[in-house]
């Protein structure tokens, strides 16, 4: 162990994760695909859809591909 170069447990965990990622043959870095910017025409169409459906009861609709995003540290189930 080198003197003067002590890592915290978080830093050690971070380094260990990156070592594991680099060793894995199935994980590769790729450039993100370019996507066209939203056109004014498309923005107007989206705004029109939103205005038409303002009063809609969205609880009755089913969305595929829904993703739960945890914006706070709690999952919400145990939050008060």
N, C-alpha and C. Protein backbone atom coordinates (compact mmCIF):
# COMPACT_ATOMS: atom_id res chain seq x y z
N UNK A 1 0.85 -1.18 0.00
CA UNK A 1 0.00 0.00 0.00
C UNK A 1 0.89 1.24 0.00
N UNK A 2 0.63 2.13 -0.92
CA UNK A 2 1.41 3.36 -1.03
C UNK A 2 1.01 4.33 0.06
N UNK A 3 1.97 4.95 0.63
CA UNK A 3 1.68 5.94 1.68
C UNK A 3 1.12 7.21 1.07
N UNK A 4 0.19 7.83 1.79
CA UNK A 4 -0.37 9.10 1.35
C UNK A 4 -1.42 8.96 0.26
N UNK A 5 -1.76 7.74 -0.12
CA UNK A 5 -2.77 7.55 -1.17
C UNK A 5 -3.84 6.59 -0.68
N UNK A 6 -4.60 7.04 0.31
CA UNK A 6 -5.66 6.21 0.87
C UNK A 6 -6.98 6.59 0.23
N UNK A 7 -7.73 5.58 -0.19
CA UNK A 7 -9.03 5.81 -0.81
C UNK A 7 -10.14 5.52 0.18
N UNK A 8 -11.21 6.29 0.08
CA UNK A 8 -12.38 6.02 0.91
C UNK A 8 -13.06 4.76 0.40
N UNK A 9 -13.97 4.21 1.16
CA UNK A 9 -14.66 3.00 0.72
C UNK A 9 -15.49 3.27 -0.53
N UNK A 10 -16.05 4.48 -0.66
CA UNK A 10 -16.80 4.83 -1.87
C UNK A 10 -15.89 4.86 -3.09
N UNK A 11 -14.70 5.43 -2.93
CA UNK A 11 -13.76 5.49 -4.04
C UNK A 11 -13.28 4.10 -4.43
N UNK A 12 -13.06 3.24 -3.44
CA UNK A 12 -12.65 1.86 -3.73
C UNK A 12 -13.75 1.13 -4.50
N UNK A 13 -14.99 1.32 -4.08
CA UNK A 13 -16.12 0.67 -4.76
C UNK A 13 -16.24 1.18 -6.19
N UNK A 14 -16.06 2.47 -6.38
CA UNK A 14 -16.12 3.07 -7.71
C UNK A 14 -15.06 2.45 -8.62
N UNK A 15 -13.84 2.35 -8.13
CA UNK A 15 -12.75 1.77 -8.92
C UNK A 15 -13.01 0.30 -9.22
N UNK A 16 -13.55 -0.43 -8.26
CA UNK A 16 -13.82 -1.85 -8.46
C UNK A 16 -14.90 -2.06 -9.53
N UNK A 17 -15.93 -1.22 -9.51
CA UNK A 17 -16.98 -1.31 -10.52
C UNK A 17 -16.39 -1.06 -11.91
N UNK A 18 -15.58 -0.02 -12.04
CA UNK A 18 -14.99 0.28 -13.35
C UNK A 18 -14.05 -0.82 -13.81
N UNK A 19 -13.32 -1.43 -12.90
CA UNK A 19 -12.45 -2.56 -13.28
C UNK A 19 -13.30 -3.70 -13.84
N UNK A 20 -14.42 -3.98 -13.18
CA UNK A 20 -15.30 -5.06 -13.64
C UNK A 20 -15.91 -4.73 -15.00
N UNK A 21 -16.29 -3.48 -15.21
CA UNK A 21 -16.87 -3.06 -16.49
C UNK A 21 -15.83 -3.21 -17.60
N UNK A 22 -14.61 -2.79 -17.35
CA UNK A 22 -13.56 -2.89 -18.37
C UNK A 22 -13.22 -4.34 -18.71
N UNK A 23 -13.32 -5.25 -17.73
CA UNK A 23 -13.01 -6.66 -17.96
C UNK A 23 -14.10 -7.36 -18.76
N UNK A 24 -15.31 -6.88 -18.71
CA UNK A 24 -16.44 -7.54 -19.36
C UNK A 24 -16.39 -7.31 -20.87
N UNK A 25 -16.36 -8.39 -21.63
CA UNK A 25 -16.29 -8.29 -23.09
C UNK A 25 -17.59 -7.80 -23.71
N UNK A 26 -18.71 -7.98 -23.02
CA UNK A 26 -20.01 -7.62 -23.56
C UNK A 26 -20.36 -6.15 -23.40
N UNK A 27 -19.58 -5.42 -22.64
CA UNK A 27 -19.84 -4.00 -22.42
C UNK A 27 -18.85 -3.20 -23.25
N UNK A 28 -19.37 -2.43 -24.19
CA UNK A 28 -18.52 -1.60 -25.04
C UNK A 28 -19.04 -0.18 -25.04
N UNK A 29 -18.15 0.74 -25.30
CA UNK A 29 -18.55 2.14 -25.40
C UNK A 29 -18.99 2.42 -26.82
N UNK A 30 -20.06 3.18 -26.96
CA UNK A 30 -20.55 3.55 -28.28
C UNK A 30 -20.97 5.01 -28.26
N UNK A 31 -20.77 5.65 -29.38
CA UNK A 31 -21.25 7.03 -29.51
C UNK A 31 -22.77 6.99 -29.60
N UNK A 32 -23.42 7.97 -29.00
CA UNK A 32 -24.88 8.03 -29.06
C UNK A 32 -25.31 8.35 -30.49
N UNK A 33 -26.43 7.79 -30.87
CA UNK A 33 -26.96 8.04 -32.21
C UNK A 33 -27.46 9.47 -32.31
N UNK A 34 -27.23 10.07 -33.45
CA UNK A 34 -27.72 11.42 -33.70
C UNK A 34 -29.22 11.35 -34.00
N UNK A 35 -29.96 12.27 -33.45
CA UNK A 35 -31.40 12.34 -33.73
C UNK A 35 -31.71 13.74 -34.23
N UNK A 36 -32.66 13.86 -35.13
CA UNK A 36 -33.00 15.20 -35.62
C UNK A 36 -33.66 16.03 -34.52
N UNK A 37 -33.44 17.32 -34.59
CA UNK A 37 -34.08 18.21 -33.63
C UNK A 37 -35.57 18.27 -33.91
N UNK A 38 -36.34 18.55 -32.87
CA UNK A 38 -37.78 18.66 -33.03
C UNK A 38 -38.09 19.89 -33.88
N UNK A 39 -38.86 19.67 -34.93
CA UNK A 39 -39.22 20.78 -35.84
C UNK A 39 -40.36 21.59 -35.25
N UNK A 40 -40.52 22.81 -35.76
CA UNK A 40 -41.63 23.65 -35.31
C UNK A 40 -42.97 22.97 -35.60
N UNK A 41 -43.07 22.29 -36.74
CA UNK A 41 -44.30 21.59 -37.11
C UNK A 41 -44.62 20.50 -36.09
N UNK A 42 -43.61 19.75 -35.70
CA UNK A 42 -43.81 18.67 -34.72
C UNK A 42 -44.17 19.24 -33.35
N UNK A 43 -43.54 20.34 -32.97
CA UNK A 43 -43.86 20.99 -31.69
C UNK A 43 -45.32 21.42 -31.66
N UNK A 44 -45.79 21.99 -32.77
CA UNK A 44 -47.19 22.42 -32.86
C UNK A 44 -48.13 21.22 -32.75
N UNK A 45 -47.77 20.11 -33.39
CA UNK A 45 -48.61 18.91 -33.33
C UNK A 45 -48.68 18.37 -31.90
N UNK A 46 -47.56 18.38 -31.21
CA UNK A 46 -47.54 17.90 -29.82
C UNK A 46 -48.34 18.81 -28.91
N UNK A 47 -48.22 20.12 -29.13
CA UNK A 47 -48.98 21.08 -28.33
C UNK A 47 -50.48 20.92 -28.58
N UNK A 48 -50.85 20.71 -29.84
CA UNK A 48 -52.26 20.49 -30.17
C UNK A 48 -52.81 19.25 -29.49
N UNK A 49 -52.03 18.17 -29.49
CA UNK A 49 -52.45 16.94 -28.81
C UNK A 49 -52.65 17.19 -27.32
N UNK A 50 -51.71 17.91 -26.71
CA UNK A 50 -51.81 18.20 -25.28
C UNK A 50 -53.05 19.02 -24.96
N UNK A 51 -53.32 20.03 -25.77
CA UNK A 51 -54.49 20.88 -25.54
C UNK A 51 -55.79 20.09 -25.69
N UNK A 52 -55.85 19.20 -26.71
CA UNK A 52 -57.06 18.40 -26.93
C UNK A 52 -57.32 17.43 -25.78
N UNK A 53 -56.28 17.02 -25.10
CA UNK A 53 -56.42 15.98 -24.09
C UNK A 53 -56.22 16.48 -22.66
N UNK A 54 -56.35 17.79 -22.45
CA UNK A 54 -56.16 18.35 -21.11
C UNK A 54 -57.12 17.76 -20.08
N UNK A 55 -58.36 17.59 -20.44
CA UNK A 55 -59.36 17.10 -19.49
C UNK A 55 -59.49 15.59 -19.43
N UNK A 56 -58.66 14.89 -20.16
CA UNK A 56 -58.76 13.43 -20.26
C UNK A 56 -58.35 12.76 -18.95
N UNK A 57 -59.06 11.69 -18.59
CA UNK A 57 -58.71 10.91 -17.39
C UNK A 57 -57.65 9.88 -17.78
N UNK A 58 -56.39 10.24 -17.61
CA UNK A 58 -55.28 9.39 -18.05
C UNK A 58 -55.14 8.13 -17.21
N UNK A 59 -55.82 8.06 -16.07
CA UNK A 59 -55.75 6.86 -15.23
C UNK A 59 -56.36 5.65 -15.94
N UNK A 60 -57.23 5.91 -16.91
CA UNK A 60 -57.89 4.82 -17.64
C UNK A 60 -57.04 4.29 -18.80
N UNK A 61 -55.94 4.95 -19.12
CA UNK A 61 -55.10 4.55 -20.24
C UNK A 61 -53.92 3.71 -19.76
N UNK A 62 -53.49 2.82 -20.62
CA UNK A 62 -52.34 1.96 -20.32
C UNK A 62 -51.20 2.40 -21.22
N UNK A 63 -50.06 2.63 -20.64
CA UNK A 63 -48.88 3.02 -21.40
C UNK A 63 -47.89 1.88 -21.40
N UNK A 64 -47.35 1.56 -22.55
CA UNK A 64 -46.34 0.51 -22.60
C UNK A 64 -44.97 1.16 -22.42
N UNK A 65 -44.06 0.41 -21.88
CA UNK A 65 -42.70 0.91 -21.71
C UNK A 65 -42.57 1.93 -20.60
N UNK A 66 -43.47 1.90 -19.62
CA UNK A 66 -43.37 2.87 -18.53
C UNK A 66 -42.13 2.57 -17.70
N UNK A 67 -41.48 3.60 -17.24
CA UNK A 67 -40.27 3.47 -16.44
C UNK A 67 -40.47 4.24 -15.15
N UNK A 68 -40.11 3.61 -14.04
CA UNK A 68 -40.21 4.29 -12.75
C UNK A 68 -38.92 5.06 -12.52
N UNK A 69 -39.04 6.35 -12.24
CA UNK A 69 -37.88 7.17 -11.96
C UNK A 69 -37.90 7.55 -10.49
N UNK A 70 -36.84 7.27 -9.80
CA UNK A 70 -36.73 7.57 -8.39
C UNK A 70 -35.98 8.89 -8.26
N UNK A 71 -36.72 9.98 -8.10
CA UNK A 71 -36.10 11.30 -8.02
C UNK A 71 -35.65 11.64 -6.61
N UNK A 72 -36.14 10.88 -5.63
CA UNK A 72 -35.76 11.11 -4.25
C UNK A 72 -35.10 9.84 -3.74
N UNK A 73 -34.56 9.88 -2.55
CA UNK A 73 -33.85 8.72 -2.03
C UNK A 73 -34.79 7.60 -1.61
N UNK A 74 -36.05 7.90 -1.36
CA UNK A 74 -36.98 6.85 -0.96
C UNK A 74 -37.72 6.35 -2.18
N UNK A 75 -38.23 5.14 -2.11
CA UNK A 75 -38.97 4.56 -3.23
C UNK A 75 -40.39 5.07 -3.30
N UNK A 76 -40.84 5.76 -2.28
CA UNK A 76 -42.20 6.27 -2.25
C UNK A 76 -43.12 5.39 -1.43
N UNK A 77 -42.83 4.10 -1.36
CA UNK A 77 -43.67 3.18 -0.61
C UNK A 77 -43.57 3.45 0.89
N UNK A 78 -42.39 3.83 1.33
CA UNK A 78 -42.21 4.06 2.76
C UNK A 78 -42.12 5.55 3.09
N UNK A 79 -42.34 6.41 2.11
CA UNK A 79 -42.27 7.85 2.36
C UNK A 79 -43.56 8.32 3.02
N UNK A 80 -43.43 9.29 3.90
CA UNK A 80 -44.61 9.85 4.57
C UNK A 80 -44.80 11.28 4.18
